[in-house]
């Protein structure tokens, strides 16, 4: 009986061990295969891609580069980043993500790029063309990730939630 009790305690300690937050540059594989895979997979599968809007995005996305600033500790990042990757998968455009950068709760990245990019909320998806930022989605989409992305790519005057 004593061995069973010790085993149960050990199992509960291991299963409740917090996942280490990712800081600095990391890859999608770090989210899918590491300790973050539970929330990544759950939210990836939960997102229903709007195929009608994605079909309109497809031809506009060719020369776009994306930098994602996120916090693995952040619920908004945990919801929006997997959904964004599901959209990219439907576009076959995963190579468009140049960098994923994990930030602390104070929105600080080890290399200082978050401060340089003016990151105040996460996730922030920065869209660039030819090395120049064209727009960004900050913390949450205004309509939906698909529609906001389409509005950005069509140059429809998109303003994120903190663009006053």
C-alpha atoms as a PDB file:
ATOM      1  CA  UNK A   1       0.000   0.000   0.000  1.00  0.00           C
ATOM      2  CA  UNK A   2       2.852   2.340   0.842  1.00  0.00           C
ATOM      3  CA  UNK A   3       4.410   1.798  -2.624  1.00  0.00           C
ATOM      4  CA  UNK A   4       1.120   2.606  -4.325  1.00  0.00           C
ATOM      5  CA  UNK A   5       0.759   5.826  -2.348  1.00  0.00           C
ATOM      6  CA  UNK A   6       4.324   6.908  -3.195  1.00  0.00           C
ATOM      7  CA  UNK A   7       3.735   6.062  -6.867  1.00  0.00           C
ATOM      8  CA  UNK A   8       0.513   8.102  -6.981  1.00  0.00           C
ATOM      9  CA  UNK A   9       2.223  11.084  -5.367  1.00  0.00           C
ATOM     10  CA  UNK A  10       5.103  10.870  -7.850  1.00  0.00           C
ATOM     11  CA  UNK A  11       2.704  10.691 -10.805  1.00  0.00           C
ATOM     12  CA  UNK A  12       0.717  13.695  -9.567  1.00  0.00           C
ATOM     13  CA  UNK A  13       3.893  15.751  -9.097  1.00  0.00           C
ATOM     14  CA  UNK A  14       5.138  14.950 -12.601  1.00  0.00           C
ATOM     15  CA  UNK A  15       1.758  15.639 -14.234  1.00  0.00           C
ATOM     16  CA  UNK A  16       1.378  18.972 -12.426  1.00  0.00           C
ATOM     17  CA  UNK A  17       4.867  20.234 -13.199  1.00  0.00           C
ATOM     18  CA  UNK A  18       4.489  23.548 -15.023  1.00  0.00           C
ATOM     19  CA  UNK A  19       5.719  23.811 -18.587  1.00  0.00           C
ATOM     20  CA  UNK A  20       8.675  26.099 -19.133  1.00  0.00           C
ATOM     21  CA  UNK A  21       7.784  29.235 -21.042  1.00  0.00           C
ATOM     22  CA  UNK A  22       9.598  29.686 -24.329  1.00  0.00           C
ATOM     23  CA  UNK A  23      11.634  32.891 -24.529  1.00  0.00           C
ATOM     24  CA  UNK A  24      13.444  34.157 -27.596  1.00  0.00           C
ATOM     25  CA  UNK A  25      13.433  32.419 -30.968  1.00  0.00           C
ATOM     26  CA  UNK A  26      11.705  29.070 -31.231  1.00  0.00           C
ATOM     27  CA  UNK A  27       9.887  27.005 -33.837  1.00  0.00           C
ATOM     28  CA  UNK A  28       6.443  25.603 -34.402  1.00  0.00           C
ATOM     29  CA  UNK A  29       7.890  22.189 -33.574  1.00  0.00           C
ATOM     30  CA  UNK A  30       8.707  23.473 -30.088  1.00  0.00           C
ATOM     31  CA  UNK A  31       4.983  24.094 -29.581  1.00  0.00           C
ATOM     32  CA  UNK A  32       3.798  20.884 -31.218  1.00  0.00           C
ATOM     33  CA  UNK A  33       6.301  18.480 -29.691  1.00  0.00           C
ATOM     34  CA  UNK A  34       7.175  20.048 -26.367  1.00  0.00           C
ATOM     35  CA  UNK A  35       5.262  20.586 -23.175  1.00  0.00           C
ATOM     36  CA  UNK A  36       2.999  23.077 -24.950  1.00  0.00           C
ATOM     37  CA  UNK A  37       1.520  20.531 -27.347  1.00  0.00           C
ATOM     38  CA  UNK A  38      -1.648  19.962 -25.322  1.00  0.00           C
ATOM     39  CA  UNK A  39      -2.971  23.513 -25.716  1.00  0.00           C
ATOM     40  CA  UNK A  40      -1.466  23.903 -29.206  1.00  0.00           C
ATOM     41  CA  UNK A  41      -3.188  20.793 -30.563  1.00  0.00           C
ATOM     42  CA  UNK A  42      -6.477  21.527 -28.802  1.00  0.00           C
ATOM     43  CA  UNK A  43      -6.702  25.069 -30.190  1.00  0.00           C
ATOM     44  CA  UNK A  44      -5.394  24.092 -33.631  1.00  0.00           C
ATOM     45  CA  UNK A  45      -8.127  21.481 -33.969  1.00  0.00           C
ATOM     46  CA  UNK A  46     -10.800  23.801 -32.561  1.00  0.00           C
ATOM     47  CA  UNK A  47     -10.263  26.514 -35.193  1.00  0.00           C
ATOM     48  CA  UNK A  48     -12.633  26.215 -38.141  1.00  0.00           C
ATOM     49  CA  UNK A  49     -10.930  27.759 -41.156  1.00  0.00           C
ATOM     50  CA  UNK A  50     -13.129  29.975 -43.306  1.00  0.00           C
ATOM     51  CA  UNK A  51     -12.224  28.422 -46.672  1.00  0.00           C
ATOM     52  CA  UNK A  52     -14.020  31.133 -48.655  1.00  0.00           C
ATOM     53  CA  UNK A  53     -11.861  33.880 -47.156  1.00  0.00           C
ATOM     54  CA  UNK A  54      -8.706  31.746 -47.273  1.00  0.00           C
ATOM     55  CA  UNK A  55      -9.194  31.226 -51.009  1.00  0.00           C
ATOM     56  CA  UNK A  56      -9.116  35.028 -51.400  1.00  0.00           C
ATOM     57  CA  UNK A  57      -5.968  35.303 -49.251  1.00  0.00           C
ATOM     58  CA  UNK A  58      -4.048  32.660 -51.184  1.00  0.00           C
ATOM     59  CA  UNK A  59      -2.886  34.755 -54.152  1.00  0.00           C
ATOM     60  CA  UNK A  60      -2.177  37.814 -51.969  1.00  0.00           C
ATOM     61  CA  UNK A  61       0.097  36.012 -49.515  1.00  0.00           C
ATOM     62  CA  UNK A  62       2.977  35.201 -51.886  1.00  0.00           C
ATOM     63  CA  UNK A  63       5.542  37.838 -50.853  1.00  0.00           C
ATOM     64  CA  UNK A  64       4.468  38.192 -47.218  1.00  0.00           C
ATOM     65  CA  UNK A  65       6.761  37.475 -44.282  1.00  0.00           C
ATOM     66  CA  UNK A  66       5.351  37.008 -40.780  1.00  0.00           C
ATOM     67  CA  UNK A  67       6.995  37.538 -37.415  1.00  0.00           C
ATOM     68  CA  UNK A  68       5.032  36.282 -34.430  1.00  0.00           C
ATOM     69  CA  UNK A  69       5.606  37.646 -30.935  1.00  0.00           C
ATOM     70  CA  UNK A  70       3.840  35.551 -28.319  1.00  0.00           C
ATOM     71  CA  UNK A  71       3.858  34.370 -24.758  1.00  0.00           C
ATOM     72  CA  UNK A  72       3.429  30.674 -24.079  1.00  0.00           C
ATOM     73  CA  UNK A  73       2.033  31.824 -20.717  1.00  0.00           C
ATOM     74  CA  UNK A  74      -0.657  33.937 -22.456  1.00  0.00           C
ATOM     75  CA  UNK A  75      -4.181  32.618 -23.124  1.00  0.00           C
ATOM     76  CA  UNK A  76      -4.621  34.876 -26.161  1.00  0.00           C
ATOM     77  CA  UNK A  77      -1.395  33.524 -27.667  1.00  0.00           C
ATOM     78  CA  UNK A  78      -2.448  29.974 -26.860  1.00  0.00           C
ATOM     79  CA  UNK A  79      -5.714  30.539 -28.744  1.00  0.00           C
ATOM     80  CA  UNK A  80      -4.627  32.651 -31.725  1.00  0.00           C
ATOM     81  CA  UNK A  81      -1.233  31.194 -32.678  1.00  0.00           C
ATOM     82  CA  UNK A  82      -2.472  27.619 -33.278  1.00  0.00           C
ATOM     83  CA  UNK A  83      -5.436  29.026 -35.223  1.00  0.00           C
ATOM     84  CA  UNK A  84      -3.062  31.119 -37.331  1.00  0.00           C
ATOM     85  CA  UNK A  85      -0.966  28.044 -38.119  1.00  0.00           C
ATOM     86  CA  UNK A  86      -4.097  26.198 -39.192  1.00  0.00           C
ATOM     87  CA  UNK A  87      -4.802  29.019 -41.648  1.00  0.00           C
ATOM     88  CA  UNK A  88      -1.203  28.852 -42.908  1.00  0.00           C
ATOM     89  CA  UNK A  89      -1.525  25.087 -43.330  1.00  0.00           C
ATOM     90  CA  UNK A  90      -4.600  25.599 -45.499  1.00  0.00           C
ATOM     91  CA  UNK A  91      -2.543  28.051 -47.604  1.00  0.00           C
ATOM     92  CA  UNK A  92       0.513  25.775 -47.597  1.00  0.00           C
ATOM     93  CA  UNK A  93       2.422  28.849 -46.418  1.00  0.00           C
ATOM     94  CA  UNK A  94       4.294  27.801 -43.270  1.00  0.00           C
ATOM     95  CA  UNK A  95       7.539  29.006 -44.822  1.00  0.00           C
ATOM     96  CA  UNK A  96       6.206  32.566 -44.584  1.00  0.00           C
ATOM     97  CA  UNK A  97       6.781  32.645 -40.805  1.00  0.00           C
ATOM     98  CA  UNK A  98      10.262  34.136 -40.521  1.00  0.00           C
ATOM     99  CA  UNK A  99      10.453  34.173 -36.735  1.00  0.00           C
ATOM    100  CA  UNK A 100       8.515  33.213 -33.653  1.00  0.00           C
ATOM    101  CA  UNK A 101       9.708  35.047 -30.583  1.00  0.00           C
ATOM    102  CA  UNK A 102       8.657  34.218 -27.060  1.00  0.00           C
ATOM    103  CA  UNK A 103       8.397  37.158 -24.681  1.00  0.00           C
ATOM    104  CA  UNK A 104       8.141  37.442 -20.931  1.00  0.00           C
ATOM    105  CA  UNK A 105       5.007  38.692 -19.193  1.00  0.00           C
ATOM    106  CA  UNK A 106       6.618  42.151 -19.367  1.00  0.00           C
ATOM    107  CA  UNK A 107       6.764  41.734 -23.220  1.00  0.00           C
ATOM    108  CA  UNK A 108      10.566  41.542 -23.184  1.00  0.00           C
ATOM    109  CA  UNK A 109      12.479  39.310 -25.591  1.00  0.00           C
ATOM    110  CA  UNK A 110      16.058  38.235 -24.851  1.00  0.00           C
ATOM    111  CA  UNK A 111      17.387  39.898 -28.030  1.00  0.00           C
ATOM    112  CA  UNK A 112      15.500  43.182 -27.540  1.00  0.00           C
ATOM    113  CA  UNK A 113      13.514  42.754 -30.764  1.00  0.00           C
ATOM    114  CA  UNK A 114      10.153  43.038 -28.964  1.00  0.00           C
ATOM    115  CA  UNK A 115      11.037  46.488 -27.674  1.00  0.00           C
ATOM    116  CA  UNK A 116      12.368  47.540 -31.083  1.00  0.00           C
ATOM    117  CA  UNK A 117       9.120  46.318 -32.726  1.00  0.00           C
ATOM    118  CA  UNK A 118       6.960  48.150 -30.158  1.00  0.00           C
ATOM    119  CA  UNK A 119       5.327  45.001 -28.780  1.00  0.00           C
ATOM    120  CA  UNK A 120       2.848  45.880 -26.038  1.00  0.00           C
ATOM    121  CA  UNK A 121       0.395  42.972 -26.267  1.00  0.00           C
ATOM    122  CA  UNK A 122       0.641  39.371 -27.388  1.00  0.00           C
ATOM    123  CA  UNK A 123       0.231  37.691 -29.630  1.00  0.00           C
ATOM    124  CA  UNK A 124       1.327  40.175 -32.250  1.00  0.00           C
ATOM    125  CA  UNK A 125       1.503  39.013 -35.860  1.00  0.00           C
ATOM    126  CA  UNK A 126       3.696  41.406 -37.839  1.00  0.00           C
ATOM    127  CA  UNK A 127       3.181  41.219 -41.616  1.00  0.00           C
ATOM    128  CA  UNK A 128       5.978  42.509 -43.847  1.00  0.00           C
ATOM    129  CA  UNK A 129       6.651  42.741 -47.544  1.00  0.00           C
ATOM    130  CA  UNK A 130      10.159  43.302 -48.921  1.00  0.00           C
ATOM    131  CA  UNK A 131      11.387  43.821 -45.356  1.00  0.00           C
ATOM    132  CA  UNK A 132       8.892  46.608 -44.589  1.00  0.00           C
ATOM    133  CA  UNK A 133       6.042  46.177 -42.121  1.00  0.00           C
ATOM    134  CA  UNK A 134       2.656  46.569 -43.802  1.00  0.00           C
ATOM    135  CA  UNK A 135       0.465  45.955 -40.739  1.00  0.00           C
ATOM    136  CA  UNK A 136      -0.090  43.783 -37.686  1.00  0.00           C
ATOM    137  CA  UNK A 137      -2.768  41.930 -35.760  1.00  0.00           C
ATOM    138  CA  UNK A 138      -2.392  42.646 -32.046  1.00  0.00           C
ATOM    139  CA  UNK A 139      -3.698  40.366 -29.273  1.00  0.00           C
ATOM    140  CA  UNK A 140      -6.930  39.338 -31.014  1.00  0.00           C
ATOM    141  CA  UNK A 141      -8.544  39.777 -34.421  1.00  0.00           C
ATOM    142  CA  UNK A 142     -11.157  42.473 -34.934  1.00  0.00           C
ATOM    143  CA  UNK A 143     -13.437  40.257 -37.071  1.00  0.00           C
ATOM    144  CA  UNK A 144     -11.581  36.936 -37.494  1.00  0.00           C
ATOM    145  CA  UNK A 145      -7.995  35.970 -38.230  1.00  0.00           C
ATOM    146  CA  UNK A 146      -8.930  35.170 -41.812  1.00  0.00           C
ATOM    147  CA  UNK A 147     -10.898  38.376 -42.434  1.00  0.00           C
ATOM    148  CA  UNK A 148      -8.345  40.592 -40.681  1.00  0.00           C
ATOM    149  CA  UNK A 149      -5.548  39.022 -42.714  1.00  0.00           C
ATOM    150  CA  UNK A 150      -7.509  39.535 -45.945  1.00  0.00           C
ATOM    151  CA  UNK A 151      -8.169  43.176 -45.027  1.00  0.00           C
ATOM    152  CA  UNK A 152      -4.457  43.711 -44.355  1.00  0.00           C
ATOM    153  CA  UNK A 153      -3.385  42.097 -47.629  1.00  0.00           C
ATOM    154  CA  UNK A 154      -5.972  44.007 -49.653  1.00  0.00           C
ATOM    155  CA  UNK A 155      -4.901  47.299 -48.066  1.00  0.00           C
ATOM    156  CA  UNK A 156      -8.384  47.971 -46.706  1.00  0.00           C
ATOM    157  CA  UNK A 157      -7.245  50.328 -43.949  1.00  0.00           C
ATOM    158  CA  UNK A 158      -7.138  47.633 -41.260  1.00  0.00           C
ATOM    159  CA  UNK A 159      -6.632  48.916 -37.729  1.00  0.00           C
ATOM    160  CA  UNK A 160      -5.810  46.545 -34.897  1.00  0.00           C
ATOM    161  CA  UNK A 161      -7.418  46.898 -31.458  1.00  0.00           C
ATOM    162  CA  UNK A 162      -4.710  49.247 -30.137  1.00  0.00           C
ATOM    163  CA  UNK A 163      -4.282  51.404 -33.259  1.00  0.00           C
ATOM    164  CA  UNK A 164      -6.045  54.595 -32.163  1.00  0.00           C
END
